[in-house]
Protein backbone atom coordinates (compact mmCIF):
# COMPACT_ATOMS: atom_id res chain seq x y z
CA MET A 1 0.00 0.00 0.00
CA GLN A 2 1.36 3.43 -0.88
CA ASP A 3 2.00 6.07 1.74
CA LYS A 4 -0.83 8.55 2.12
CA VAL A 5 0.18 11.98 0.88
CA ASP A 6 0.18 14.63 3.59
CA ARG A 7 -1.79 17.78 2.80
CA PRO A 8 -0.72 21.25 3.89
CA GLY A 9 -2.32 22.73 6.97
CA GLN A 10 -3.34 19.43 8.51
CA GLU A 11 -1.58 19.34 11.84
CA ALA A 12 -3.21 19.16 15.27
CA PRO A 13 -7.00 19.58 15.07
CA PRO A 14 -8.57 22.37 17.15
CA GLY A 15 -9.04 21.20 20.73
CA SER A 16 -11.13 23.79 22.58
CA ALA A 17 -14.91 23.76 22.53
CA ARG A 18 -14.86 27.36 21.24
CA GLU A 19 -12.57 26.55 18.31
CA ARG A 20 -14.59 23.49 17.37
CA GLY A 21 -17.84 25.41 17.67
CA LEU A 22 -16.49 28.13 15.36
CA SER A 23 -15.56 25.49 12.80
CA ALA A 24 -19.09 24.08 12.89
CA ALA A 25 -20.49 27.60 12.52
CA LYS A 26 -18.24 28.20 9.53
CA ALA A 27 -19.81 25.19 7.78
CA GLY A 28 -23.25 26.66 8.52
CA VAL A 29 -22.30 29.98 6.89
CA LYS A 30 -21.11 28.14 3.78
CA PHE A 31 -24.39 26.22 3.67
CA GLY A 32 -26.25 29.54 3.66
CA LYS A 33 -24.18 30.85 0.76
CA ASN A 34 -24.71 27.65 -1.18
CA TYR A 35 -28.46 27.91 -0.66
CA ALA A 36 -28.43 31.50 -1.89
CA ARG A 37 -26.52 30.35 -4.97
CA TYR A 38 -29.14 27.62 -5.51
CA LEU A 39 -31.98 30.19 -5.42
CA SER A 40 -30.07 32.45 -7.78
CA ARG A 41 -29.53 29.64 -10.29
CA ARG A 42 -33.20 28.67 -10.05
CA ALA A 43 -34.20 32.25 -10.75
CA ALA A 44 -31.87 32.27 -13.78
CA GLY A 45 -33.70 29.30 -15.24
CA THR A 46 -31.36 26.44 -14.29
CA ASP A 47 -33.12 23.10 -14.00
CA ARG A 48 -34.29 22.62 -10.41
CA THR A 49 -32.88 19.10 -10.05
CA VAL A 50 -29.47 20.10 -11.43
CA ALA A 51 -29.30 23.17 -9.16
CA ARG A 52 -30.26 21.13 -6.10
CA GLN A 53 -27.67 18.44 -6.84
CA GLU A 54 -25.00 21.10 -7.22
CA MET A 55 -26.03 22.64 -3.88
CA HIS A 56 -25.85 19.25 -2.14
CA SER A 57 -22.41 18.59 -3.66
CA ARG A 58 -21.08 21.97 -2.49
CA ASN A 59 -22.56 21.52 0.98
CA ALA A 60 -21.13 18.02 1.27
CA GLU A 61 -17.63 19.14 0.26
CA ASP A 62 -17.76 22.10 2.66
CA LEU A 63 -18.96 19.89 5.50
CA PHE A 64 -16.28 17.28 4.84
CA SER A 65 -13.63 20.01 4.75
CA GLU A 66 -14.60 21.33 8.19
CA LEU A 67 -15.06 17.87 9.70
CA SER A 68 -11.65 16.86 8.39
CA ARG A 69 -10.18 19.73 10.38
CA LEU A 70 -12.09 18.72 13.51
CA ARG A 71 -11.61 14.94 13.17
CA GLY A 72 -12.63 13.05 16.32
CA THR A 73 -16.24 12.50 17.35
CA ALA A 74 -17.63 14.92 14.77
CA LEU A 75 -15.99 13.11 11.85
CA LYS A 76 -16.83 9.70 13.35
CA MET A 77 -20.53 10.59 13.33
CA ALA A 78 -20.29 11.73 9.70
CA GLN A 79 -18.72 8.39 8.89
CA GLY A 80 -21.70 6.64 10.46
CA LEU A 81 -24.20 8.81 8.57
CA SER A 82 -22.57 7.91 5.26
CA MET A 83 -23.57 4.27 5.81
CA GLU A 84 -27.23 4.92 6.63
CA PRO A 85 -29.08 3.95 3.43
CA GLY A 86 -31.16 6.82 2.08
CA PHE A 87 -30.87 9.13 5.10
CA LEU A 88 -28.75 11.68 3.24
CA PRO A 89 -28.79 12.94 -0.34
CA GLU A 90 -26.54 10.80 -2.54
CA GLN A 91 -23.96 13.59 -2.84
CA PHE A 92 -23.58 13.74 0.97
CA SER A 93 -23.27 9.98 1.33
CA ASP A 94 -20.60 9.79 -1.37
CA VAL A 95 -18.51 12.61 0.08
CA LEU A 96 -18.88 11.65 3.75
CA ALA A 97 -17.96 8.06 2.93
CA ARG A 98 -14.46 9.45 2.43
CA ALA A 99 -14.29 9.76 6.23
CA GLN A 100 -13.60 6.01 6.13
CA TYR A 101 -10.34 6.33 4.21
CA ASP A 102 -9.56 9.82 2.88
CA VAL A 103 -8.96 12.12 5.85
CA PRO A 104 -5.96 14.46 5.46
CA ALA A 105 -3.03 13.03 7.41
CA MET A 106 -0.87 14.67 10.07
CA GLY A 107 2.61 15.60 8.89
CA PRO A 108 5.69 13.49 9.77
CA ALA A 109 7.06 16.02 12.28
CA LEU A 110 3.91 15.94 14.41
CA VAL A 111 3.70 12.16 14.15
CA HIS A 112 7.33 11.85 15.29
CA ARG A 113 6.61 14.03 18.31
CA LEU A 114 3.46 12.15 19.29
CA VAL A 115 5.09 8.71 19.03
CA THR A 116 8.12 9.90 21.00
CA GLN A 117 5.91 11.31 23.75
CA ALA A 118 3.82 8.16 23.95
CA LEU A 119 6.55 5.51 23.79
CA GLY A 120 9.33 7.40 25.57
CA ALA A 121 11.83 7.33 22.69
CA PRO A 122 11.94 8.39 19.03
CA PRO A 123 10.43 5.89 16.59
CA GLU A 124 13.79 5.39 14.85
CA GLU A 125 15.18 4.02 18.12
CA ILE A 126 12.20 1.76 18.87
CA PHE A 127 11.59 0.32 15.40
CA ALA A 128 13.95 -1.07 12.76
CA GLU A 129 11.85 0.87 10.23
CA PHE A 130 9.13 3.50 10.69
CA SER A 131 7.48 5.65 8.03
CA GLY A 132 6.37 9.09 9.14
CA HIS A 133 3.87 9.14 6.27
CA ALA A 134 0.48 7.58 6.99
CA MET A 135 -0.73 4.61 4.95
CA ALA A 136 -4.31 5.49 5.96
CA ALA A 137 -6.02 8.19 8.00
CA ALA A 138 -9.51 8.09 9.52
CA SER A 139 -11.63 9.91 12.08
CA LEU A 140 -9.70 9.27 15.32
CA GLY A 141 -6.20 8.43 14.18
CA GLN A 142 -3.92 7.37 11.36
CA VAL A 143 -1.75 4.31 10.77
CA HIS A 144 1.90 4.02 9.80
CA PRO A 145 3.85 1.06 8.42
CA ALA A 146 6.79 -0.06 10.54
CA ARG A 147 9.00 -3.06 11.24
CA LEU A 148 10.14 -4.41 14.60
CA LYS A 149 13.78 -5.10 15.24
CA ASP A 150 13.10 -8.84 14.89
CA GLY A 151 11.81 -8.20 11.35
CA THR A 152 8.06 -8.43 12.09
CA ARG A 153 5.95 -6.09 9.94
CA VAL A 154 3.65 -3.98 12.09
CA VAL A 155 1.22 -1.08 11.86
CA VAL A 156 1.43 1.80 14.34
CA LYS A 157 -1.82 3.68 14.95
CA VAL A 158 -1.32 7.24 16.20
CA GLN A 159 -4.25 9.13 17.69
CA TYR A 160 -4.82 12.74 16.68
CA PRO A 161 -4.17 15.31 19.43
CA ASN A 162 -7.18 16.55 21.42
CA VAL A 163 -9.53 13.74 20.32
CA ARG A 164 -10.26 12.43 23.81
CA GLU A 165 -10.58 15.95 25.23
CA SER A 166 -13.03 17.00 22.52
CA VAL A 167 -15.55 14.17 22.92
CA ASP A 168 -17.82 16.04 25.32
CA SER A 169 -17.69 19.35 23.44
CA ASP A 170 -18.46 17.60 20.14
CA LEU A 171 -21.42 15.82 21.65
CA ARG A 172 -22.73 19.12 23.00
CA LEU A 173 -22.59 20.46 19.44
CA VAL A 174 -24.48 17.41 18.21
CA ARG A 175 -27.03 17.82 21.00
CA GLY A 176 -27.62 21.41 19.95
CA ILE A 177 -28.18 20.43 16.33
CA ALA A 178 -30.42 17.51 17.30
CA GLY A 179 -32.46 19.87 19.46
CA ARG A 180 -33.81 21.52 16.32
CA PHE A 181 -35.61 18.30 15.46
CA VAL A 182 -36.23 16.35 18.68
CA ASP A 183 -36.49 16.95 22.40
CA LYS A 184 -32.92 17.53 23.64
CA GLU A 185 -33.52 15.68 26.90
CA ALA A 186 -34.96 12.70 25.05
CA VAL A 187 -31.81 12.37 22.93
CA ASP A 188 -29.45 12.47 25.95
CA PRO A 189 -29.45 8.68 26.64
CA TYR A 190 -28.40 8.03 23.05
CA LEU A 191 -25.60 10.59 23.21
CA GLU A 192 -24.46 9.11 26.52
CA GLU A 193 -24.27 5.71 24.84
CA VAL A 194 -22.08 7.19 22.10
CA ARG A 195 -19.93 8.98 24.68
CA ASP A 196 -19.25 5.82 26.69
CA LEU A 197 -17.98 3.91 23.68
CA MET A 198 -16.09 6.91 22.31
CA MET A 199 -14.16 7.20 25.57
CA GLU A 200 -13.26 3.52 25.30
CA GLU A 201 -12.36 3.92 21.64
CA THR A 202 -9.87 6.68 22.43
CA ASP A 203 -7.94 4.44 24.84
CA TYR A 204 -5.79 2.25 22.61
CA ARG A 205 -4.91 -0.09 25.48
CA ILE A 206 -8.56 -1.16 25.55
CA GLU A 207 -8.49 -1.67 21.77
CA GLY A 208 -5.36 -3.81 22.09
CA ALA A 209 -7.07 -6.07 24.62
CA ASN A 210 -10.09 -6.27 22.28
CA ILE A 211 -7.83 -7.37 19.42
CA GLU A 212 -6.56 -10.29 21.47
CA GLU A 213 -10.07 -11.24 22.61
CA PHE A 214 -11.38 -11.43 19.04
CA ALA A 215 -8.20 -13.08 17.72
CA HIS A 216 -8.87 -15.98 20.09
CA LEU A 217 -12.59 -15.96 19.25
CA PHE A 218 -11.90 -16.34 15.51
CA GLU A 219 -8.99 -18.74 15.85
CA GLY A 220 -9.35 -21.62 13.38
CA THR A 221 -12.03 -19.81 11.31
CA GLN A 222 -11.90 -17.95 8.00
CA VAL A 223 -11.85 -14.60 9.80
CA VAL A 224 -8.43 -13.24 10.68
CA THR A 225 -7.38 -10.30 12.88
CA PRO A 226 -4.09 -8.55 13.63
CA ARG A 227 -2.28 -9.29 16.89
CA TRP A 228 -1.52 -6.76 19.57
CA ILE A 229 2.05 -5.69 20.45
CA GLU A 230 1.33 -4.73 24.06
CA ALA A 231 4.85 -3.52 24.93
CA LEU A 232 4.59 -0.82 22.23
CA THR A 233 1.09 0.39 23.05
CA THR A 234 -0.11 3.26 25.21
CA GLU A 235 -3.39 5.13 25.56
CA ARG A 236 -2.74 7.03 22.31
CA VAL A 237 -0.37 4.85 20.28
CA LEU A 238 -1.26 1.28 19.29
CA THR A 239 1.12 -1.21 17.68
CA MET A 240 -0.25 -4.35 16.01
CA THR A 241 0.87 -6.84 13.39
CA HIS A 242 0.39 -5.98 9.72
CA MET A 243 -2.30 -7.77 7.70
CA GLU A 244 -2.36 -8.20 3.92
CA GLY A 245 -5.54 -7.62 1.97
CA GLN A 246 -7.56 -5.11 -0.04
CA HIS A 247 -10.33 -2.82 1.12
CA LEU A 248 -13.74 -3.18 -0.54
CA LYS A 249 -13.43 -0.43 -3.16
CA GLU A 250 -9.98 -1.60 -4.26
CA TRP A 251 -11.05 -5.26 -4.29
CA LEU A 252 -14.17 -4.58 -6.37
CA ALA A 253 -12.06 -2.64 -8.87
CA GLY A 254 -10.39 -5.96 -9.68
CA ASN A 255 -13.72 -7.29 -11.04
CA PRO A 256 -14.04 -10.32 -8.74
CA SER A 257 -16.23 -13.22 -9.81
CA GLN A 258 -19.73 -13.76 -8.45
CA ALA A 259 -18.42 -16.80 -6.55
CA GLU A 260 -15.80 -14.62 -4.83
CA ARG A 261 -18.40 -11.98 -3.99
CA ASP A 262 -20.68 -14.67 -2.56
CA HIS A 263 -17.84 -16.19 -0.53
CA PHE A 264 -16.87 -12.96 1.24
CA GLY A 265 -20.47 -11.84 1.61
CA GLN A 266 -21.29 -15.13 3.32
CA LEU A 267 -18.34 -14.75 5.68
CA LEU A 268 -19.47 -11.23 6.65
CA TRP A 269 -23.11 -12.28 7.12
CA ASP A 270 -22.19 -15.31 9.23
CA VAL A 271 -19.58 -13.64 11.43
CA ILE A 272 -21.97 -10.83 12.41
CA HIS A 273 -24.73 -13.28 13.32
CA GLU A 274 -22.26 -15.43 15.28
CA GLN A 275 -21.29 -12.41 17.37
CA VAL A 276 -24.90 -11.39 18.02
CA VAL A 277 -25.84 -14.83 19.38
CA GLY A 278 -22.50 -15.42 21.16
CA ASP A 279 -22.33 -16.02 24.89
CA SER A 280 -19.90 -13.11 25.36
CA LEU A 281 -22.55 -10.63 24.11
CA ARG A 282 -19.66 -8.71 22.55
CA VAL A 283 -19.99 -7.39 19.01
CA HIS A 284 -17.62 -5.56 16.66
CA ALA A 285 -20.01 -2.68 15.99
CA ASP A 286 -18.02 -0.64 13.47
CA ALA A 287 -19.00 -2.40 10.25
CA HIS A 288 -17.85 0.10 7.67
CA PRO A 289 -15.87 -0.95 4.56
CA GLY A 290 -12.56 0.41 5.85
CA ASN A 291 -12.56 -2.18 8.62
CA PHE A 292 -12.56 -5.24 6.36
CA LEU A 293 -9.81 -6.74 4.21
CA PHE A 294 -10.50 -9.06 1.29
CA ARG A 295 -7.55 -11.46 1.18
CA GLU A 296 -6.07 -13.66 -1.55
CA ASP A 297 -6.21 -16.69 0.77
CA GLY A 298 -10.02 -16.37 0.92
CA ARG A 299 -10.08 -15.23 4.53
CA LEU A 300 -11.82 -12.05 5.64
CA GLY A 301 -9.63 -9.64 7.58
CA LEU A 302 -11.23 -7.69 10.41
CA LEU A 303 -9.68 -4.41 11.61
CA ASP A 304 -10.22 -1.65 14.16
CA PHE A 305 -11.39 -3.03 17.49
CA GLY A 306 -12.02 0.25 19.26
CA CYS A 307 -15.83 0.15 18.95
CA ILE A 308 -16.82 -3.11 20.67
CA LYS A 309 -20.37 -3.08 22.03
CA THR A 310 -21.34 -5.30 24.96
CA PHE A 311 -25.09 -5.91 24.89
CA PRO A 312 -27.06 -6.54 28.08
CA VAL A 313 -28.43 -10.08 27.82
CA GLY A 314 -32.01 -8.80 28.19
CA PHE A 315 -31.62 -6.43 25.25
CA ARG A 316 -29.95 -9.02 23.03
CA ASP A 317 -32.59 -11.65 23.82
CA GLY A 318 -35.35 -9.08 23.33
CA LEU A 319 -33.92 -8.12 19.96
CA VAL A 320 -33.83 -11.74 18.78
CA GLY A 321 -37.28 -12.23 20.31
CA LEU A 322 -38.51 -9.41 18.06
CA TYR A 323 -37.17 -11.38 15.10
CA HIS A 324 -38.98 -14.53 16.26
CA ALA A 325 -42.28 -12.66 16.71
CA ARG A 326 -42.01 -11.10 13.28
CA MET A 327 -41.18 -14.38 11.55
CA ALA A 328 -44.04 -16.17 13.36
CA GLY A 329 -46.54 -13.42 12.60
CA ASN A 330 -47.35 -13.23 16.32
CA VAL A 331 -48.87 -9.77 16.73
CA GLU A 332 -49.19 -10.02 20.52
CA ALA A 333 -45.54 -11.03 20.94
CA LEU A 334 -44.52 -8.31 18.52
CA GLN A 335 -46.29 -5.63 20.55
CA ALA A 336 -44.68 -6.97 23.73
CA SER A 337 -41.24 -6.80 22.08
CA TYR A 338 -41.81 -3.22 20.99
CA THR A 339 -42.63 -2.29 24.58
CA ASP A 340 -39.71 -4.20 26.10
CA LEU A 341 -37.25 -2.60 23.67
CA GLU A 342 -38.69 0.90 24.36
CA MET A 343 -39.76 1.21 20.72
CA LEU A 344 -43.38 2.07 21.57
CA PRO A 345 -43.52 4.48 24.55
CA ALA A 346 -46.54 3.96 26.80
CA ASP A 347 -47.22 7.70 27.06
CA MET A 348 -47.36 8.28 23.29
CA ASP A 349 -50.68 9.62 22.00
CA GLU A 350 -52.77 7.45 19.68
CA GLU A 351 -51.90 9.38 16.54
CA GLY A 352 -48.19 9.09 17.23
CA ARG A 353 -48.56 5.44 18.19
CA MET A 354 -50.28 4.53 14.91
CA TYR A 355 -47.77 6.54 12.90
CA LEU A 356 -44.87 4.77 14.61
CA LEU A 357 -46.45 1.33 14.30
CA ASP A 358 -46.77 1.85 10.56
CA ILE A 359 -43.06 2.70 10.29
CA LEU A 360 -42.04 -0.24 12.48
CA ASP A 361 -44.18 -2.60 10.41
CA THR A 362 -42.63 -1.34 7.17
CA LEU A 363 -39.06 -1.60 8.45
CA GLY A 364 -39.78 -4.98 10.00
CA GLY A 365 -41.08 -6.22 6.68
CA ILE A 366 -37.88 -5.16 4.93
CA ILE A 367 -35.70 -7.00 7.46
CA GLU A 368 -38.01 -10.03 7.37
CA SER A 369 -37.58 -10.24 3.60
CA LEU A 370 -33.90 -11.05 4.14
CA TYR A 371 -34.66 -14.14 6.20
CA ARG A 372 -37.76 -15.61 4.56
CA PRO A 373 -35.95 -17.29 1.65
CA ASP A 374 -33.07 -19.70 2.19
CA THR A 375 -31.04 -17.61 -0.27
CA TYR A 376 -31.08 -13.83 -0.55
CA ASP A 377 -29.51 -12.15 -3.59
CA PHE A 378 -28.25 -8.67 -2.70
CA GLY A 379 -27.49 -8.11 -6.38
CA GLN A 380 -31.12 -8.54 -7.37
CA GLY A 381 -32.91 -7.44 -4.19
CA ARG A 382 -34.42 -3.97 -3.83
CA LEU A 383 -33.23 -3.54 -0.26
CA LEU A 384 -31.79 -0.03 -0.47
CA GLU A 385 -34.72 1.17 -2.58
CA GLN A 386 -37.10 -0.14 0.07
CA PHE A 387 -35.24 1.67 2.85
CA GLN A 388 -35.16 4.87 0.80
CA ALA A 389 -38.91 4.65 0.23
CA VAL A 390 -39.60 4.75 3.96
CA ILE A 391 -37.21 7.63 4.69
CA PRO A 392 -39.87 10.35 4.10
CA GLN A 393 -41.94 8.78 6.89
CA ILE A 394 -38.99 9.11 9.26
CA THR A 395 -37.59 12.48 8.24
CA GLY A 396 -40.43 14.27 6.44
CA ARG A 397 -42.87 16.93 7.56
CA GLU A 398 -45.28 14.45 9.14
CA ALA A 399 -42.49 12.91 11.21
CA PHE A 400 -41.60 16.34 12.56
CA LYS A 401 -44.88 16.31 14.53
CA HIS A 402 -43.57 13.39 16.60
CA ARG A 403 -40.45 14.96 18.01
CA ARG A 404 -38.93 12.19 20.10
CA PRO A 405 -36.45 9.39 19.51
CA VAL A 406 -37.69 5.91 20.38
CA GLY A 407 -36.06 2.58 21.16
CA SER A 408 -33.48 1.47 23.70
CA ARG A 409 -30.22 3.43 23.65
CA HIS A 410 -28.48 0.19 22.66
CA PHE A 411 -30.07 0.52 19.22
CA VAL A 412 -27.47 3.20 18.42
CA PHE A 413 -24.95 0.47 17.66
CA VAL A 414 -27.42 -2.12 16.38
CA ASN A 415 -28.44 0.34 13.67
CA ARG A 416 -24.81 1.11 12.92
CA LEU A 417 -23.96 -2.58 12.63
CA LEU A 418 -27.01 -3.37 10.49
CA ALA A 419 -26.53 -0.40 8.16
CA GLY A 420 -22.85 -1.25 7.66
CA MET A 421 -23.51 -4.92 6.97
CA LEU A 422 -26.33 -4.29 4.49
CA SER A 423 -24.35 -1.57 2.71
CA ILE A 424 -21.33 -3.83 2.18
CA LEU A 425 -23.44 -6.81 1.08
CA SER A 426 -25.31 -4.59 -1.38
CA GLN A 427 -22.04 -3.29 -2.84
CA LEU A 428 -20.81 -6.86 -3.15
CA GLY A 429 -24.04 -7.96 -4.81
CA ALA A 430 -23.57 -11.18 -2.85
CA ARG A 431 -25.91 -14.17 -2.78
CA ILE A 432 -26.30 -15.27 0.84
CA ASP A 433 -27.40 -18.61 2.27
CA THR A 434 -29.50 -17.53 5.26
CA ARG A 435 -30.11 -20.96 6.78
CA ARG A 436 -27.20 -21.01 9.23
CA ALA A 437 -28.03 -17.53 10.53
CA LYS A 438 -31.65 -18.58 11.06
CA ALA A 439 -30.51 -21.67 12.95
CA LEU A 440 -28.28 -19.53 15.17
CA LEU A 441 -31.11 -17.10 15.93
CA GLN A 442 -33.46 -20.01 16.67
CA GLY A 443 -31.35 -20.88 19.70
CA VAL A 444 -31.68 -17.46 21.33
CA GLY A 445 -34.55 -15.49 22.79
CA SER A 446 -38.18 -16.49 22.99
CA ALA A 447 -37.97 -19.39 20.54
CA ALA A 448 -35.23 -21.03 22.60
CA GLY A 449 -37.32 -21.19 25.73
């Protein structure tokens, strides 16, 4: 893999709440100018659709530019939004998807200083080889190729300055934006859920321990992980073994066969279901394309173990119980699951309740369609179109009347995992055998009793 080219002006991201707030405000000013340009072009006779697409493209580029400066929690959330099918205009999704792999890297001088501070000696003294140029850069940190003195190829992940300190200020910004659309107090449990995992994700010692946990979990399978080099890891610098493989976009560019697409799609589908039903209740919840490697040996590489969600057993069993109720067509059990999972608040008025039930039934039907047949073809299915069709119900004018988020806070990472999995499988156009996943789910929750 070639070194990532450093771009001028990309050193330490702003750390204070004031600086980060000003950056967010700057994006808002640009949005206003772009909207004024859109109105001007409309008045001049430009086709409405063309003018709107241009506005979205400009807004997306401006937003990505500011988020790339901020990095951290703000950019991480943009990364998550890029995977939500249909929630953003296509131009936003395409641009924000670059948060997975195309963030401007820190320069070598800053990297040298950060590694020296973290490990207690300059990288040239610790490693036999160390490149100051990043091979990849993402929302929280960037990775550098290196070699240990015994010849082992490794990757050194260096966290951007101020990331951990900016988590709370970034979430306050998000809370303020969310408050335009929903009750701020109602959204607090969801933001707290994000905060808890973000604080874990910014401690690379926790990620190192997670790497070892999942390496043992997948031992002897067709899923492979790096291995942690504990002696060369601190809170903000993580050293792990190097793994060969291609990321999704690069791999697809090689025009893989349908059999190869099916093979890797099946591995992804199965490994996610195995984690959900596992006794540890621990799930790799960051299923975006940058965290998977497609390898020549047919094994699926899994990267980035900072975002590991531990589900309470009651929530996990309730979630699988919802699946059982839906598949059985048991309306009474379905209503009970909605209540247990906080998806249907008891104090909601009848109008809001019926509106929400309609959305839940539609979304449930889409998910159910994946499991009904023994084989699901993501190349032929209309999955993303179906999700996009229901988006107006969730984000449109009618939805604005029901200004409250619903569902357990643990759904934050269920939705992230589901959206990531379905996005990758759709890009692969994979044909999936669903029978093993259904058998795994049959042993958990209400049907197992």
